[in-house]
N, C-alpha and C. Protein backbone atom coordinates (compact mmCIF):
# COMPACT_ATOMS: atom_id res chain seq x y z
N MET A 1 -65.71 11.98 -18.92
CA MET A 1 -65.41 13.53 -18.84
C MET A 1 -66.31 14.43 -18.45
N PRO A 2 -65.94 15.35 -17.60
CA PRO A 2 -66.97 16.38 -17.08
C PRO A 2 -67.68 17.02 -17.90
N ASN A 3 -67.42 17.26 -18.95
CA ASN A 3 -67.99 18.52 -19.90
C ASN A 3 -68.30 17.81 -21.47
N HIS A 4 -68.18 16.43 -21.68
CA HIS A 4 -68.56 15.96 -22.72
C HIS A 4 -68.83 14.04 -22.63
N VAL A 5 -69.42 13.88 -23.57
CA VAL A 5 -69.28 12.27 -23.52
C VAL A 5 -68.82 11.89 -25.12
N HIS A 6 -68.45 10.66 -25.18
CA HIS A 6 -68.49 9.98 -26.54
C HIS A 6 -69.11 8.86 -26.60
N VAL A 7 -69.32 8.46 -27.98
CA VAL A 7 -70.09 7.60 -28.25
C VAL A 7 -69.63 6.86 -29.35
N LEU A 8 -69.60 5.61 -29.33
CA LEU A 8 -69.28 4.80 -30.59
C LEU A 8 -70.27 3.69 -30.85
N PHE A 9 -70.75 4.15 -32.32
CA PHE A 9 -71.83 2.82 -32.38
C PHE A 9 -72.56 2.57 -33.84
N LYS A 10 -72.66 1.76 -34.53
CA LYS A 10 -73.00 1.38 -35.58
C LYS A 10 -74.42 1.82 -35.89
N GLN A 11 -74.11 2.46 -36.73
CA GLN A 11 -75.32 3.55 -37.74
C GLN A 11 -76.42 2.71 -37.95
N ILE A 12 -77.65 2.56 -37.64
CA ILE A 12 -78.67 2.17 -38.47
C ILE A 12 -79.76 2.73 -38.84
N SER A 13 -79.72 3.87 -38.67
CA SER A 13 -81.00 4.94 -38.71
C SER A 13 -79.67 6.36 -39.00
N SER A 14 -80.65 7.55 -39.40
CA SER A 14 -80.03 8.77 -39.93
C SER A 14 -79.09 9.37 -38.45
N LEU A 15 -78.27 9.59 -38.39
CA LEU A 15 -77.50 10.26 -37.35
C LEU A 15 -77.71 11.66 -36.68
N GLN A 16 -79.10 12.29 -37.30
CA GLN A 16 -79.60 13.33 -36.75
C GLN A 16 -80.40 12.22 -35.88
N ASP A 17 -81.16 11.40 -36.40
CA ASP A 17 -82.28 10.84 -35.37
C ASP A 17 -81.64 10.22 -34.24
N THR A 18 -80.37 9.44 -34.34
CA THR A 18 -79.91 8.97 -33.42
C THR A 18 -79.29 9.75 -32.59
N VAL A 19 -78.61 10.55 -32.63
CA VAL A 19 -78.34 11.82 -31.93
C VAL A 19 -79.38 12.46 -31.06
N ARG A 20 -80.58 13.09 -31.88
CA ARG A 20 -81.50 13.54 -30.89
C ARG A 20 -82.39 12.24 -30.13
N ILE A 21 -82.31 11.18 -30.70
CA ILE A 21 -82.95 10.41 -29.59
C ILE A 21 -82.14 10.07 -28.32
N ILE A 22 -80.96 10.07 -28.55
CA ILE A 22 -79.62 9.90 -27.83
C ILE A 22 -79.69 10.95 -26.56
N LYS A 23 -79.76 12.21 -26.94
CA LYS A 23 -79.86 13.51 -26.37
C LYS A 23 -81.02 13.64 -25.57
N SER A 24 -82.25 13.23 -26.24
CA SER A 24 -83.66 13.65 -25.76
C SER A 24 -83.48 12.71 -24.29
N LYS A 25 -83.63 11.31 -24.94
CA LYS A 25 -83.45 10.30 -23.33
C LYS A 25 -82.79 10.68 -22.27
N SER A 26 -81.42 11.02 -22.86
CA SER A 26 -80.19 11.08 -21.41
C SER A 26 -80.50 12.44 -21.06
N ALA A 27 -80.83 13.90 -21.57
CA ALA A 27 -81.19 14.98 -21.00
C ALA A 27 -82.53 14.94 -20.19
N ARG A 28 -83.60 14.44 -20.38
CA ARG A 28 -84.95 13.78 -19.55
C ARG A 28 -84.22 13.09 -18.51
N ASP A 29 -83.82 11.93 -18.33
CA ASP A 29 -83.13 11.13 -17.32
C ASP A 29 -82.47 12.15 -16.57
N ILE A 30 -81.69 12.74 -16.85
CA ILE A 30 -80.19 13.33 -16.42
C ILE A 30 -80.82 14.56 -15.38
N ASN A 31 -81.62 15.30 -15.91
CA ASN A 31 -82.74 16.21 -15.46
C ASN A 31 -83.56 15.67 -14.33
N ASN A 32 -84.04 14.70 -14.45
CA ASN A 32 -84.94 13.95 -13.58
C ASN A 32 -84.10 13.93 -12.16
N MET A 33 -83.05 13.18 -12.75
CA MET A 33 -81.90 12.66 -11.24
C MET A 33 -81.11 14.05 -10.70
N LEU A 34 -81.43 15.13 -11.44
CA LEU A 34 -80.55 16.27 -10.60
C LEU A 34 -82.02 17.18 -10.21
N LYS A 35 -83.30 16.84 -10.34
CA LYS A 35 -84.51 17.51 -10.25
C LYS A 35 -84.45 19.06 -10.47
N ARG A 36 -84.12 18.76 -11.96
CA ARG A 36 -84.10 20.10 -12.69
C ARG A 36 -84.82 20.12 -13.84
N ASN A 37 -84.96 20.96 -14.70
CA ASN A 37 -85.33 20.75 -16.14
C ASN A 37 -85.06 21.70 -17.15
N GLY A 38 -84.99 21.59 -18.49
CA GLY A 38 -84.71 22.35 -19.13
C GLY A 38 -83.54 21.97 -20.11
N LYS A 39 -83.24 22.80 -20.99
CA LYS A 39 -81.90 22.42 -21.54
C LYS A 39 -80.79 21.61 -21.29
N PHE A 40 -80.33 20.31 -21.37
CA PHE A 40 -79.11 19.79 -20.80
C PHE A 40 -77.70 19.77 -21.73
N TRP A 41 -78.07 19.38 -23.02
CA TRP A 41 -76.95 19.48 -23.97
C TRP A 41 -76.84 20.73 -24.87
N ALA A 42 -75.66 20.50 -25.38
CA ALA A 42 -75.79 21.88 -26.42
C ALA A 42 -75.84 21.22 -27.50
N SER A 43 -76.89 22.26 -28.31
CA SER A 43 -77.09 22.24 -29.88
C SER A 43 -76.26 21.14 -30.66
N GLU A 44 -75.14 21.11 -30.91
CA GLU A 44 -74.12 20.93 -31.64
C GLU A 44 -73.15 19.99 -31.28
N TYR A 45 -72.76 18.98 -32.19
CA TYR A 45 -72.26 17.61 -31.72
C TYR A 45 -71.15 17.25 -32.85
N TYR A 46 -70.01 16.92 -32.73
CA TYR A 46 -69.20 16.34 -34.11
C TYR A 46 -68.90 14.91 -33.74
N ASP A 47 -69.39 14.83 -35.58
CA ASP A 47 -69.35 13.14 -35.63
C ASP A 47 -67.99 13.09 -36.63
N LYS A 48 -67.55 11.42 -36.91
CA LYS A 48 -66.64 11.19 -37.62
C LYS A 48 -66.91 9.58 -37.88
N VAL A 49 -66.70 9.51 -39.31
CA VAL A 49 -67.24 8.26 -39.82
C VAL A 49 -66.09 7.12 -39.47
N ILE A 50 -66.24 6.00 -39.22
CA ILE A 50 -65.34 4.89 -38.94
C ILE A 50 -64.95 4.76 -40.37
N ARG A 51 -63.72 4.53 -40.50
CA ARG A 51 -63.30 3.87 -41.78
C ARG A 51 -63.20 2.18 -42.20
N ASP A 52 -62.36 1.72 -41.17
CA ASP A 52 -62.13 0.54 -41.07
C ASP A 52 -62.20 -0.22 -39.50
N GLU A 53 -61.67 -1.29 -39.95
CA GLU A 53 -61.50 -1.94 -38.54
C GLU A 53 -60.60 -1.14 -37.67
N GLU A 54 -59.27 -1.09 -38.37
CA GLU A 54 -58.05 -0.29 -37.74
C GLU A 54 -58.25 1.11 -36.79
N HIS A 55 -59.08 1.86 -37.91
CA HIS A 55 -59.54 3.06 -37.51
C HIS A 55 -60.53 2.53 -36.04
N PHE A 56 -61.61 2.01 -36.43
CA PHE A 56 -62.23 1.53 -35.09
C PHE A 56 -61.64 1.44 -33.93
N VAL A 57 -60.77 0.67 -33.84
CA VAL A 57 -59.76 0.14 -32.72
C VAL A 57 -59.01 1.47 -32.22
N LYS A 58 -58.74 2.26 -32.87
CA LYS A 58 -57.92 3.44 -32.92
C LYS A 58 -59.06 4.19 -32.19
N VAL A 59 -60.05 4.56 -32.39
CA VAL A 59 -61.01 5.06 -31.90
C VAL A 59 -61.19 4.76 -30.33
N TYR A 60 -61.93 3.74 -30.49
CA TYR A 60 -62.23 2.88 -29.11
C TYR A 60 -61.39 3.33 -28.28
N GLU A 61 -59.85 2.81 -28.54
CA GLU A 61 -58.91 3.14 -27.29
C GLU A 61 -58.72 4.47 -27.36
N TYR A 62 -59.16 5.19 -28.12
CA TYR A 62 -58.84 6.60 -27.78
C TYR A 62 -59.92 7.29 -26.70
N ILE A 63 -61.37 7.05 -26.62
CA ILE A 63 -62.72 6.90 -25.79
C ILE A 63 -62.33 6.40 -24.67
N LYS A 64 -61.59 4.62 -24.71
CA LYS A 64 -61.42 4.01 -23.35
C LYS A 64 -60.25 5.29 -22.66
N ASN A 65 -59.39 5.37 -22.99
CA ASN A 65 -58.37 6.16 -22.13
C ASN A 65 -58.48 7.26 -22.20
N ASN A 66 -59.67 8.18 -22.74
CA ASN A 66 -59.64 9.49 -22.67
C ASN A 66 -59.54 10.03 -21.20
N ALA A 67 -60.63 9.67 -20.45
CA ALA A 67 -60.73 10.28 -18.74
C ALA A 67 -59.50 9.87 -18.06
N PRO A 68 -58.88 8.69 -18.10
CA PRO A 68 -57.70 8.41 -17.19
C PRO A 68 -56.65 9.25 -17.61
N LYS A 69 -56.48 9.36 -19.05
CA LYS A 69 -55.68 10.29 -19.54
C LYS A 69 -55.62 11.89 -19.24
N ALA A 70 -56.73 12.24 -18.64
CA ALA A 70 -56.95 13.48 -18.55
C ALA A 70 -56.97 13.67 -16.77
N GLY A 71 -56.54 12.27 -16.12
CA GLY A 71 -56.29 12.51 -14.64
C GLY A 71 -58.01 12.29 -14.19
N LEU A 72 -58.66 11.57 -15.07
CA LEU A 72 -59.71 11.51 -13.91
C LEU A 72 -60.37 10.12 -13.95
N SER A 73 -60.69 9.85 -12.48
CA SER A 73 -61.51 8.18 -12.65
C SER A 73 -62.44 7.95 -13.44
N LEU A 74 -62.27 6.41 -13.76
CA LEU A 74 -63.96 6.16 -14.71
C LEU A 74 -64.83 5.64 -13.60
N ASP A 75 -64.45 5.19 -12.33
CA ASP A 75 -65.38 4.55 -11.13
C ASP A 75 -66.32 3.81 -12.09
N GLY A 76 -65.82 2.85 -12.70
CA GLY A 76 -66.81 2.36 -13.31
C GLY A 76 -67.58 2.73 -14.68
N ARG A 77 -67.33 4.03 -15.21
CA ARG A 77 -68.09 4.28 -16.06
C ARG A 77 -68.26 4.47 -17.47
N PHE A 78 -67.08 3.57 -17.54
CA PHE A 78 -66.72 2.86 -19.30
C PHE A 78 -67.24 1.65 -19.46
N TYR A 79 -68.49 1.87 -20.32
CA TYR A 79 -69.15 0.93 -20.55
C TYR A 79 -68.97 0.33 -22.19
N SER A 80 -68.78 -1.03 -22.24
CA SER A 80 -68.50 -1.44 -23.64
C SER A 80 -69.11 -2.64 -23.74
N LYS A 81 -69.76 -3.38 -24.79
CA LYS A 81 -70.22 -4.37 -25.47
C LYS A 81 -69.00 -5.23 -26.01
N TYR A 82 -67.57 -5.29 -25.92
CA TYR A 82 -66.80 -5.58 -26.34
C TYR A 82 -65.60 -5.96 -25.28
N GLU A 83 -65.93 -5.39 -24.69
CA GLU A 83 -64.79 -6.13 -23.09
C GLU A 83 -65.67 -6.57 -22.13
N SER A 84 -64.98 -7.16 -21.06
CA SER A 84 -65.68 -7.25 -19.67
C SER A 84 -64.50 -7.21 -18.82
N ASP A 85 -64.96 -7.16 -17.54
CA ASP A 85 -64.23 -6.97 -16.26
C ASP A 85 -63.70 -8.87 -15.64
């Protein structure tokens, strides 16, 4: 998606710490690639707790199909440890 990302992961540390690490590292890398600096991500984020396997599959399929449903090409940008091409 051009204006947001979806991440589905098993939480092993605090959500706040996990999001901070993801945002910090990715912002640094993206800013380096774009040859810019400064704030990259919005401060807020939306989170949802996965209730069970059925909910996991539903969320996973939503994420997988989100960009194509919006008419955007994935261009190999969907990454998952649960599937292989």
